[in-house]
Amino acid sequence: MITTAKTTPSLEDLAAQALDLARRQGASAAEVNTGLGAGLSVTVRKGEVETVEHHRDKSLSITVFFGERSGSASTADFRAQALSEAVMAACAIARHTAADPYNGLADPAHLARDIPDLDLYHPWSLSMEEAIDLARRCEDAAFAADPRIRNSEGASVTTHDGTDVYATSDGFLGTVRASRHGISCAVLGEDGHGGMQRDYDYASVRDPRDLPPAEDIGRRAARRTVRRLGGRQIKTCQVPVLYEAQVARSLVSHLVSAISGPSLYRRSSFLLDSVDTALFPAWVHLYEEPHRKKAMGSAPFDGEGVETRYRDLVTGGILRRYCLDSYSARKLGLTTTANAGGVHNLTVASGPEDLAGLLRQMGRGLFVTELIGFGINTVTGDYSRGAAGFWVEGGEIVHPVEEITIASNLRDMYKGLVAVGRDVDTRHNVCTGSWLLERMTVAGG
């Protein structure tokens, strides 16, 4: 049995009870996820309190196996009767489903044995009044930053912390306590000629002491908004494209989706049979670092209890593995990569240039700061999305750009990666700096 310090016995007891009920119903194996959480969220718009929400959530889900048959059920009611009914429902479903030889718990040999303290739990004793004050200060700073900021979609402050337990009938029991806190602001600007633009900024951290001042977030939201005023279309062309870090993350997410188990065993991916194939230039390195302290994507084990650890995904520009859970690994005749539930701090190694350096390196082209819609064909890799950003000449931004479409194929985009900036966005489980791509088609007016 695996436990961690400061566990929550009530959740562990609930998991044990559910597993015991499943055994008594004849299940050959079972797994339980259960959790408790609490939080506060406030939004202020134009100085007035728009919403105040106190969150208290709890859940328990159980999956049972009768040989190769499985069934799942969940409940938010922790009373004994409700727990029994959830287990009975899962068992009833399992008895009526078709057998699947790839069903089952993770191989015990791959389960986490030592669970490190990743410093993820930092509760914030924030009162409603203090949260409202922070949100007001954030929004006030945005309005004060520039007279062209005329309206607001609001500033928000959120805080949440909770405990999650995962347990299986073959003896695994793991508990993770984690917190997440954030401040955000979205405002609208006017240029005096009827033109309006909107943009935002935000911060998301595990430890509230790592949050920037609320006023800084408001000022950044204002700057991001006013720089977009006066946007125009451009003529269709083929030029280098620079993705700002927070939108470059989507290019990594498309890669992960294409090399994830379901896309592969359904043969709906443009990266089938691509392990040991060069997808990027030789200098590109992508890796998972799941035990990074305080990071948003850190986890001691994946959604099946499989031990997470540092793993290379791309080295020398070559794809080294897929991202698999136990089920997809069995279907593909491979081994789980501890990616049940997703990737963990997947990081793109950055180069020496900051954003300004990448703009100079690009010289002339498009700097993308927003993507609109979803135009990705996961089977072919064809890519086409609405975009907004800035036109660049001589390495300098010359004017905003809007109402354009950027298009290429993801294979060509990955091959044509010129540089990755050191302006790494760490607010998510995918961490990367800005991406400079060799060439894309930009369709304008």
Protein backbone atom coordinates (compact mmCIF):
# COMPACT_ATOMS: atom_id res chain seq x y z
CA MET A 1 0.00 0.00 0.00
CA ILE A 2 1.32 3.44 -0.93
CA THR A 3 0.46 6.52 1.09
CA THR A 4 1.73 10.05 1.43
CA ALA A 5 2.12 12.37 4.36
CA LYS A 6 -0.94 14.28 5.51
CA THR A 7 -3.38 12.00 3.72
CA THR A 8 -7.11 12.36 4.13
CA PRO A 9 -8.35 9.16 5.82
CA SER A 10 -12.00 9.79 5.00
CA LEU A 11 -11.29 9.71 1.26
CA GLU A 12 -9.04 6.69 1.61
CA ASP A 13 -11.68 4.91 3.67
CA LEU A 14 -14.31 5.68 1.03
CA ALA A 15 -12.06 4.26 -1.68
CA ALA A 16 -11.45 1.12 0.39
CA GLN A 17 -15.18 0.70 1.01
CA ALA A 18 -15.98 1.01 -2.68
CA LEU A 19 -13.32 -1.53 -3.61
CA ASP A 20 -14.62 -3.93 -0.97
CA LEU A 21 -18.18 -3.56 -2.28
CA ALA A 22 -16.95 -4.30 -5.79
CA ARG A 23 -15.17 -7.46 -4.64
CA ARG A 24 -18.31 -8.67 -2.88
CA GLN A 25 -20.24 -8.15 -6.11
CA GLY A 26 -17.83 -10.51 -7.85
CA ALA A 27 -15.63 -7.98 -9.65
CA SER A 28 -12.25 -9.40 -10.60
CA ALA A 29 -10.64 -5.94 -10.33
CA ALA A 30 -11.63 -2.34 -9.66
CA GLU A 31 -10.26 1.20 -9.46
CA VAL A 32 -11.57 4.25 -7.59
CA ASN A 33 -10.98 7.98 -7.98
CA THR A 34 -12.31 10.19 -5.21
CA GLY A 35 -11.73 13.81 -4.31
CA LEU A 36 -12.69 16.80 -2.21
CA GLY A 37 -12.11 20.42 -3.13
CA ALA A 38 -13.04 23.94 -2.12
CA GLY A 39 -12.51 27.34 -3.63
CA LEU A 40 -13.59 30.92 -4.15
CA SER A 41 -14.13 32.85 -7.36
CA VAL A 42 -15.04 36.53 -7.68
CA THR A 43 -15.50 38.74 -10.73
CA VAL A 44 -15.63 42.52 -10.75
CA ARG A 45 -16.76 44.47 -13.81
CA LYS A 46 -16.42 48.25 -14.02
CA GLY A 47 -15.87 48.38 -10.30
CA GLU A 48 -19.01 46.48 -9.40
CA VAL A 49 -19.09 42.95 -8.01
CA GLU A 50 -20.59 40.77 -10.74
CA THR A 51 -20.23 37.27 -9.27
CA VAL A 52 -19.10 35.66 -6.04
CA GLU A 53 -18.97 31.87 -5.99
CA HIS A 54 -17.90 29.58 -3.18
CA HIS A 55 -17.07 26.12 -4.54
CA ARG A 56 -17.26 22.91 -2.58
CA ASP A 57 -17.01 19.83 -4.72
CA LYS A 58 -16.69 16.14 -4.05
CA SER A 59 -16.85 13.11 -6.27
CA LEU A 60 -16.20 9.41 -6.37
CA SER A 61 -16.00 7.32 -9.51
CA ILE A 62 -15.46 3.59 -9.72
CA THR A 63 -14.62 1.32 -12.62
CA VAL A 64 -15.11 -2.41 -12.15
CA PHE A 65 -13.86 -5.30 -14.25
CA PHE A 66 -15.47 -8.70 -14.64
CA GLY A 67 -12.73 -10.37 -16.57
CA GLU A 68 -12.61 -8.48 -19.88
CA ARG A 69 -15.86 -6.59 -19.25
CA SER A 70 -15.91 -3.20 -17.54
CA GLY A 71 -18.40 -0.67 -16.23
CA SER A 72 -18.14 2.72 -14.55
CA ALA A 73 -20.34 4.87 -12.34
CA SER A 74 -19.89 7.97 -10.21
CA THR A 75 -21.52 9.81 -7.33
CA ALA A 76 -21.20 13.07 -5.44
CA ASP A 77 -22.99 11.56 -2.44
CA PHE A 78 -20.64 9.89 0.03
CA ARG A 79 -23.32 8.26 2.17
CA ALA A 80 -23.11 4.47 2.44
CA GLN A 81 -26.28 3.86 0.46
CA ALA A 82 -25.22 6.13 -2.41
CA LEU A 83 -21.79 4.52 -2.47
CA SER A 84 -23.38 1.06 -2.65
CA GLU A 85 -25.71 2.18 -5.44
CA ALA A 86 -22.81 3.55 -7.48
CA VAL A 87 -20.87 0.29 -7.17
CA MET A 88 -23.98 -1.75 -8.03
CA ALA A 89 -24.57 0.44 -11.10
CA ALA A 90 -20.99 -0.03 -12.31
CA CYS A 91 -21.28 -3.80 -11.85
CA ALA A 92 -24.60 -3.92 -13.70
CA ILE A 93 -23.07 -2.02 -16.63
CA ALA A 94 -20.05 -4.32 -16.71
CA ARG A 95 -22.23 -7.43 -16.87
CA HIS A 96 -23.92 -6.11 -20.03
CA THR A 97 -20.96 -4.73 -21.95
CA ALA A 98 -18.97 -6.55 -24.59
CA ALA A 99 -15.70 -8.14 -23.58
CA ASP A 100 -12.57 -6.21 -24.50
CA PRO A 101 -9.26 -8.07 -24.12
CA TYR A 102 -7.39 -4.79 -23.59
CA ASN A 103 -9.37 -3.80 -20.49
CA GLY A 104 -7.82 -3.88 -17.04
CA LEU A 105 -5.75 -2.10 -14.44
CA ALA A 106 -2.21 -0.92 -15.08
CA ASP A 107 0.55 -3.52 -14.78
CA PRO A 108 1.62 -3.54 -11.09
CA ALA A 109 5.25 -3.46 -12.18
CA HIS A 110 4.76 0.08 -13.48
CA LEU A 111 3.00 1.55 -10.44
CA ALA A 112 4.55 4.34 -8.37
CA ARG A 113 6.32 3.02 -5.29
CA ASP A 114 7.83 6.21 -3.87
CA ILE A 115 5.70 9.33 -4.12
CA PRO A 116 7.77 12.53 -3.93
CA ASP A 117 6.55 15.78 -2.40
CA LEU A 118 6.15 18.08 -5.41
CA ASP A 119 5.21 21.15 -3.36
CA LEU A 120 1.81 21.48 -5.04
CA TYR A 121 -0.31 22.35 -2.01
CA HIS A 122 -0.41 26.00 -0.96
CA PRO A 123 -3.88 26.95 0.28
CA TRP A 124 -4.74 30.64 0.19
CA SER A 125 -6.67 32.01 3.16
CA LEU A 126 -8.34 34.68 1.05
CA SER A 127 -11.55 36.26 2.25
CA MET A 128 -14.30 37.34 -0.14
CA GLU A 129 -13.54 40.99 0.65
CA GLU A 130 -9.83 40.54 -0.06
CA ALA A 131 -10.57 38.79 -3.36
CA ILE A 132 -12.92 41.58 -4.43
CA ASP A 133 -10.29 44.18 -3.55
CA LEU A 134 -7.66 42.37 -5.64
CA ALA A 135 -10.02 42.15 -8.62
CA ARG A 136 -10.89 45.86 -8.34
CA ARG A 137 -7.23 46.83 -8.17
CA CYS A 138 -6.52 44.73 -11.24
CA GLU A 139 -9.32 46.29 -13.28
CA ASP A 140 -8.63 49.83 -12.03
CA ALA A 141 -5.03 49.49 -13.16
CA ALA A 142 -6.20 48.47 -16.63
CA PHE A 143 -8.45 51.53 -16.94
CA ALA A 144 -5.72 53.83 -15.62
CA ALA A 145 -3.10 52.45 -17.98
CA ASP A 146 -4.49 54.08 -21.13
CA PRO A 147 -7.44 56.41 -21.86
CA ARG A 148 -8.39 54.23 -24.82
CA ILE A 149 -9.51 51.48 -22.44
CA ARG A 150 -13.24 52.25 -22.34
CA ASN A 151 -14.91 49.04 -21.20
CA SER A 152 -14.23 45.80 -19.38
CA GLU A 153 -15.29 42.18 -19.45
CA GLY A 154 -14.18 41.97 -15.87
CA ALA A 155 -11.31 41.06 -13.59
CA SER A 156 -11.43 37.77 -11.70
CA VAL A 157 -9.65 36.21 -8.75
CA THR A 158 -9.90 32.47 -8.17
CA THR A 159 -8.51 30.11 -5.58
CA HIS A 160 -8.96 26.36 -5.21
CA ASP A 161 -7.35 23.55 -3.28
CA GLY A 162 -8.25 19.92 -2.93
CA THR A 163 -7.27 16.33 -2.27
CA ASP A 164 -7.54 13.45 -4.72
CA VAL A 165 -7.17 9.76 -4.00
CA TYR A 166 -6.64 6.96 -6.49
CA ALA A 167 -6.91 3.34 -5.33
CA THR A 168 -7.05 -0.06 -6.98
CA SER A 169 -8.05 -3.56 -5.93
CA ASP A 170 -4.47 -4.78 -6.34
CA GLY A 171 -3.20 -2.58 -3.53
CA PHE A 172 -2.30 0.82 -4.96
CA LEU A 173 -3.32 3.84 -2.89
CA GLY A 174 -2.03 7.31 -3.74
CA THR A 175 -3.07 10.71 -2.44
CA VAL A 176 -2.28 14.09 -3.97
CA ARG A 177 -3.07 17.48 -2.45
CA ALA A 178 -2.83 20.45 -4.77
CA SER A 179 -3.86 24.07 -5.10
CA ARG A 180 -4.40 26.45 -8.00
CA HIS A 181 -4.80 30.22 -7.83
CA GLY A 182 -5.26 32.85 -10.49
CA ILE A 183 -5.93 36.47 -11.42
CA SER A 184 -7.22 37.52 -14.83
CA CYS A 185 -8.44 40.64 -16.59
CA ALA A 186 -10.06 41.27 -20.00
CA VAL A 187 -10.71 44.80 -21.28
CA LEU A 188 -11.90 46.57 -24.43
CA GLY A 189 -10.29 49.56 -26.12
CA GLU A 190 -11.54 52.12 -28.65
CA ASP A 191 -9.45 54.07 -31.16
CA GLY A 192 -11.76 57.08 -31.57
CA HIS A 193 -12.78 56.07 -35.09
CA GLY A 194 -15.26 53.35 -34.22
CA GLY A 195 -12.66 50.61 -33.99
CA MET A 196 -12.69 48.35 -30.94
CA GLN A 197 -10.44 45.55 -29.74
CA ARG A 198 -10.34 43.17 -26.81
CA ASP A 199 -7.49 41.34 -25.12
CA TYR A 200 -6.58 39.93 -21.73
CA ASP A 201 -3.85 38.80 -19.40
CA TYR A 202 -3.76 36.34 -16.53
CA ALA A 203 -1.60 34.48 -14.05
CA SER A 204 -2.03 30.91 -12.78
CA VAL A 205 0.12 29.43 -10.00
CA ARG A 206 0.20 26.77 -7.28
CA ASP A 207 1.47 29.14 -4.58
CA PRO A 208 -0.27 32.52 -4.12
CA ARG A 209 3.07 34.04 -3.15
CA ASP A 210 4.14 33.50 -6.77
CA LEU A 211 1.34 35.65 -8.18
CA PRO A 212 2.43 38.97 -9.72
CA PRO A 213 0.77 42.12 -8.37
CA ALA A 214 -2.84 42.37 -9.52
CA GLU A 215 -2.08 45.82 -10.94
CA ASP A 216 0.59 44.37 -13.25
CA ILE A 217 -1.93 41.94 -14.76
CA GLY A 218 -4.39 44.78 -15.38
CA ARG A 219 -1.76 46.96 -17.01
CA ARG A 220 -0.60 44.12 -19.25
CA ALA A 221 -4.20 43.44 -20.30
CA ALA A 222 -4.54 47.12 -21.22
CA ARG A 223 -1.28 47.16 -23.20
CA ARG A 224 -2.23 44.01 -25.07
CA THR A 225 -5.58 45.57 -25.97
CA VAL A 226 -4.48 49.01 -27.15
CA ARG A 227 -1.65 47.62 -29.28
CA ARG A 228 -4.32 45.87 -31.38
CA LEU A 229 -6.25 49.05 -32.19
CA GLY A 230 -6.19 50.05 -35.84
CA GLY A 231 -5.93 46.48 -37.09
CA ARG A 232 -6.05 45.90 -40.82
CA GLN A 233 -5.99 43.10 -43.34
CA ILE A 234 -2.99 42.24 -45.48
CA LYS A 235 -2.71 40.78 -48.96
CA THR A 236 -2.33 37.03 -49.33
CA CYS A 237 1.31 36.04 -49.12
CA GLN A 238 3.75 33.35 -48.02
CA VAL A 239 5.96 34.61 -45.21
CA PRO A 240 7.65 33.53 -41.99
CA VAL A 241 5.26 33.36 -39.03
CA LEU A 242 6.13 33.90 -35.38
CA TYR A 243 3.72 32.38 -32.83
CA GLU A 244 3.62 34.10 -29.46
CA ALA A 245 4.38 31.63 -26.65
CA GLN A 246 0.81 31.34 -25.39
CA VAL A 247 -0.46 30.39 -28.86
CA ALA A 248 2.62 28.33 -29.78
CA ARG A 249 1.49 25.95 -27.05
CA SER A 250 -1.32 24.82 -29.35
CA LEU A 251 1.21 23.50 -31.88
CA VAL A 252 2.64 21.23 -29.18
CA SER A 253 -0.88 20.14 -28.20
CA HIS A 254 -1.59 19.12 -31.81
CA LEU A 255 1.55 16.98 -31.72
CA VAL A 256 0.49 15.33 -28.46
CA SER A 257 -2.98 14.62 -29.83
CA ALA A 258 -1.51 13.01 -32.94
CA ILE A 259 0.78 10.69 -30.97
CA SER A 260 -1.73 9.77 -28.25
CA GLY A 261 -3.10 6.26 -28.00
CA PRO A 262 -6.70 6.78 -29.21
CA SER A 263 -5.58 8.61 -32.37
CA LEU A 264 -3.08 5.87 -33.11
CA TYR A 265 -5.18 2.75 -32.56
CA ARG A 266 -8.08 4.34 -34.42
CA ARG A 267 -5.62 5.15 -37.22
CA SER A 268 -6.85 8.73 -37.30
CA SER A 269 -3.47 10.44 -36.96
CA PHE A 270 -1.10 11.97 -39.51
CA LEU A 271 1.76 10.64 -37.37
CA LEU A 272 1.05 6.91 -37.59
CA ASP A 273 4.22 4.79 -37.47
CA SER A 274 6.34 7.86 -36.80
CA VAL A 275 8.50 6.75 -33.87
CA ASP A 276 12.20 7.11 -34.79
CA THR A 277 11.22 9.50 -37.58
CA ALA A 278 12.63 13.03 -37.84
CA LEU A 279 9.73 15.43 -37.35
CA PHE A 280 11.71 18.55 -36.43
CA PRO A 281 15.13 20.05 -37.16
CA ALA A 282 17.95 18.25 -35.37
CA TRP A 283 18.28 20.86 -32.60
CA VAL A 284 14.71 20.40 -31.29
CA HIS A 285 14.23 18.75 -27.88
CA LEU A 286 10.87 18.04 -26.15
CA TYR A 287 10.71 16.36 -22.76
CA GLU A 288 8.37 15.65 -19.85
CA GLU A 289 9.48 16.74 -16.39
CA PRO A 290 6.59 15.63 -14.12
CA HIS A 291 8.38 16.13 -10.80
CA ARG A 292 9.11 19.84 -11.24
CA LYS A 293 8.30 21.59 -7.93
CA LYS A 294 5.15 23.79 -7.92
CA ALA A 295 4.60 23.36 -11.66
CA MET A 296 1.08 23.26 -13.08
CA GLY A 297 1.59 19.92 -14.84
CA SER A 298 3.41 18.09 -12.06
CA ALA A 299 2.14 14.71 -10.82
CA PRO A 300 3.79 11.83 -8.93
CA PHE A 301 1.72 9.27 -10.87
CA ASP A 302 -0.67 9.32 -13.81
CA GLY A 303 -4.39 8.60 -13.82
CA GLU A 304 -3.74 4.87 -13.43
CA GLY A 305 -1.14 5.06 -10.65
CA VAL A 306 1.74 4.54 -13.08
CA GLU A 307 4.96 6.19 -11.94
CA THR A 308 5.78 9.41 -13.75
CA ARG A 309 9.38 10.32 -14.46
CA TYR A 310 11.51 12.43 -16.76
CA ARG A 311 11.03 11.19 -20.31
CA ASP A 312 12.26 12.52 -23.63
CA LEU A 313 9.64 12.83 -26.33
CA VAL A 314 11.73 14.33 -29.11
CA THR A 315 15.53 14.39 -29.20
CA GLY A 316 17.66 15.38 -32.15
CA GLY A 317 14.41 16.33 -33.86
CA ILE A 318 13.35 12.65 -33.84
CA LEU A 319 10.14 11.39 -32.24
CA ARG A 320 11.23 8.83 -29.66
CA ARG A 321 7.90 7.51 -28.33
CA TYR A 322 4.14 7.92 -28.22
CA CYS A 323 1.98 9.12 -25.30
CA LEU A 324 0.06 6.08 -24.01
CA ASP A 325 -2.08 4.85 -21.17
CA SER A 326 -2.34 1.14 -20.37
CA TYR A 327 -5.35 0.46 -22.58
CA SER A 328 -3.91 2.06 -25.71
CA ALA A 329 -0.49 0.53 -25.03
CA ARG A 330 -2.03 -2.95 -24.97
CA LYS A 331 -3.92 -2.31 -28.19
CA LEU A 332 -0.73 -1.17 -29.88
CA GLY A 333 1.45 -3.91 -28.41
CA LEU A 334 3.52 -1.35 -26.50
CA THR A 335 4.09 -0.26 -22.89
CA THR A 336 2.35 2.55 -21.05
CA THR A 337 4.26 5.84 -20.95
CA ALA A 338 2.46 7.12 -17.82
CA ASN A 339 0.26 9.46 -19.86
CA ALA A 340 -3.16 8.39 -18.63
CA GLY A 341 -4.80 11.80 -18.23
CA GLY A 342 -2.34 13.67 -20.42
CA VAL A 343 1.23 14.92 -20.43
CA HIS A 344 3.09 16.33 -17.42
CA ASN A 345 5.08 19.55 -17.89
CA LEU A 346 5.86 18.79 -21.51
CA THR A 347 8.58 21.32 -22.25
CA VAL A 348 10.14 22.54 -25.49
CA ALA A 349 13.80 23.38 -24.91
CA SER A 350 14.26 27.05 -25.72
CA GLY A 351 16.96 28.85 -27.63
CA PRO A 352 18.94 31.97 -26.68
CA GLU A 353 16.66 34.65 -28.19
CA ASP A 354 13.92 36.54 -26.40
CA LEU A 355 10.79 37.68 -28.26
CA ALA A 356 12.45 40.84 -29.53
CA GLY A 357 15.34 38.73 -30.84
CA LEU A 358 12.96 36.41 -32.68
CA LEU A 359 11.25 39.40 -34.30
CA ARG A 360 14.62 40.64 -35.52
CA GLN A 361 15.51 37.16 -36.75
CA MET A 362 12.24 36.96 -38.69
CA GLY A 363 12.76 40.35 -40.28
CA ARG A 364 9.57 40.50 -42.32
CA GLY A 365 6.46 38.43 -41.64
CA LEU A 366 3.50 37.84 -39.35
CA PHE A 367 3.55 37.80 -35.55
CA VAL A 368 0.51 35.80 -34.34
CA THR A 369 -0.97 36.59 -30.92
CA GLU A 370 -4.43 35.06 -31.28
CA LEU A 371 -5.89 32.01 -33.03
CA ILE A 372 -9.55 31.74 -33.95
CA GLY A 373 -11.58 28.61 -34.67
CA PHE A 374 -10.29 25.08 -35.12
CA GLY A 375 -9.26 23.97 -38.60
CA ILE A 376 -7.00 20.98 -37.99
CA ASN A 377 -7.37 17.75 -39.94
CA THR A 378 -5.84 15.19 -37.59
CA VAL A 379 -5.71 12.54 -40.32
CA THR A 380 -3.74 14.58 -42.86
CA GLY A 381 -2.17 17.26 -40.66
CA ASP A 382 -3.66 20.04 -42.77
CA TYR A 383 -3.80 23.26 -40.76
CA SER A 384 -5.95 26.35 -41.34
CA ARG A 385 -6.98 28.80 -38.62
CA GLY A 386 -8.21 32.34 -38.29
CA ALA A 387 -5.63 34.59 -36.69
CA ALA A 388 -4.81 38.07 -35.48
CA GLY A 389 -1.51 39.69 -34.63
CA PHE A 390 0.98 42.13 -36.10
CA TRP A 391 2.83 42.74 -39.35
CA VAL A 392 6.59 42.95 -38.95
CA GLU A 393 9.08 44.79 -41.17
CA GLY A 394 12.79 45.09 -40.48
CA GLY A 395 12.36 43.12 -37.27
CA GLU A 396 9.92 45.67 -35.84
CA ILE A 397 6.14 45.60 -35.41
CA VAL A 398 4.61 48.12 -37.82
CA HIS A 399 0.83 47.65 -37.47
CA PRO A 400 -1.84 45.28 -36.11
CA VAL A 401 -3.36 42.64 -38.41
CA GLU A 402 -6.82 41.09 -38.22
CA GLU A 403 -9.30 39.03 -40.26
CA ILE A 404 -6.70 36.73 -41.76
CA THR A 405 -6.23 32.97 -42.10
CA ILE A 406 -2.93 31.13 -41.74
CA ALA A 407 -2.50 27.75 -43.42
CA SER A 408 0.03 24.97 -43.90
CA ASN A 409 0.49 21.33 -42.91
CA LEU A 410 1.66 20.43 -39.41
CA ARG A 411 4.42 18.19 -40.76
CA ASP A 412 5.78 21.11 -42.79
CA MET A 413 5.38 23.47 -39.82
CA TYR A 414 7.33 21.16 -37.52
CA LYS A 415 10.05 20.65 -40.13
CA GLY A 416 10.16 24.39 -40.72
CA LEU A 417 10.66 25.36 -37.09
CA VAL A 418 13.46 27.94 -37.13
CA ALA A 419 13.76 28.90 -33.47
CA VAL A 420 12.08 28.67 -30.05
CA GLY A 421 12.28 31.70 -27.77
CA ARG A 422 13.30 31.81 -24.15
CA ASP A 423 10.04 33.61 -23.27
CA VAL A 424 8.62 30.37 -21.87
CA ASP A 425 4.96 30.35 -20.78
CA THR A 426 4.74 28.14 -17.67
CA ARG A 427 1.04 28.63 -16.87
CA HIS A 428 0.00 25.22 -18.23
CA ASN A 429 1.13 21.61 -18.51
CA VAL A 430 2.73 22.41 -21.88
CA CYS A 431 5.62 24.87 -21.52
CA THR A 432 7.17 26.59 -24.50
CA GLY A 433 8.51 29.88 -25.72
CA SER A 434 7.49 31.59 -28.96
CA TRP A 435 7.92 29.61 -32.21
CA LEU A 436 9.39 31.06 -35.40
CA LEU A 437 8.28 29.08 -38.46
CA GLU A 438 10.02 29.29 -41.81
CA ARG A 439 6.94 29.87 -43.96
CA MET A 440 3.14 29.71 -43.99
CA THR A 441 0.42 30.93 -46.31
CA VAL A 442 -1.30 34.01 -44.92
CA ALA A 443 -4.66 34.70 -46.58
CA GLY A 444 -5.91 38.25 -46.25
CA GLY A 445 -7.96 40.69 -48.29
